[in-house]
Amino acid sequence: MTYLFKALLVLSVFWAGSASPALALDVMEVVKKANHVSYYKGDDGRAKVNMRIIDDQGRERLREFVILRKDNDQTDGGQKFYVYFNKPADVKKMVFMVIKNMDRDDDRWLYLPALDLVKRIAASDERTSFVGSHFYYEDVSGRGINEDNHVLVEENDNFYVVKSTPKDPKSVEFSSYKSWIHKATFLPVKTEYYDDQGQKIRSYTALKVEVVSGHPTVTSASMEDHRSGGKTVMNYSAVKYDVGLPDKIFSERYLRKAPIKYLR
């Protein structure tokens, strides 16, 4: 049984106890719902993450970190992310923080404790490797749904398949991407990125899905680079929603002074 099939089995069980999926949805409604399910479950959230970075020779590097997330409102608008690294020693106490803005580019910071340096991450760096993994910075905090044009290219009993094309092709490394969105839960379980020759260059797969506090949640996922042959697997544990995170911890002050109470 493949990992993806196991994830779909969990979703099918969740679907059996849920209302029937809506029919004849507009593609933007599908995309908005998928974005909400992916990034806006509860008012805030917390998870421990174990990341395995695997190269084309099968060699592995490990990262362990905690993600804190808080929404500004209930309309899928502004949002804050705080990522604190515990392992290995060379990245311990490193912090990645994002303030998602609806009216301008997102604000991103990286705190490097070895240098005691706070570094701003430019908007042009969103599509670069997240701490040496095959996930990009933008994969962690989410891509704005209005940055792409979306077309529903397929619909079957289980999925909406949406093709998305960037409005600003020069700002990204891909020509288009396809997302397989589960119809009942609107959880994206697979995304494939293509170059301008139609060749698949990266692919995201939900490996495991669990229902946490009533929310279908991806607790294991992979990102594969089809050009380099490597991939990264992220496993999530101790996932919680509606933790009650205060706004103040998502500030430059807490890049150097980690909010340990919420990271345990």
Foldseek 3Di string as FASTA:
>chain_A
DALQVQAVVQVVVLLVPDDDFDPPDDQVVLVQLQLCLAAPPFQKKKWKKWKWWQFLVRDTDIWIWMKIKGDPDDPPAWIKIWIATCDDPQCHLWIWIWIGHDPDHIWIWIQRVVVRDIDTDDSLQQADDDVPHLDGNCNVNHDDPVQWDKDQPDDDPFWTKIKTAGPDVVSYQFGIKIWTAGRRQSHTAKMFTHHPVRDTAKMKGQRHWDQDPNRTDRQKMKMAGPVRNIIMIMGIPPMDHPPPDDPVCNDPVCSNPPPVVRGD
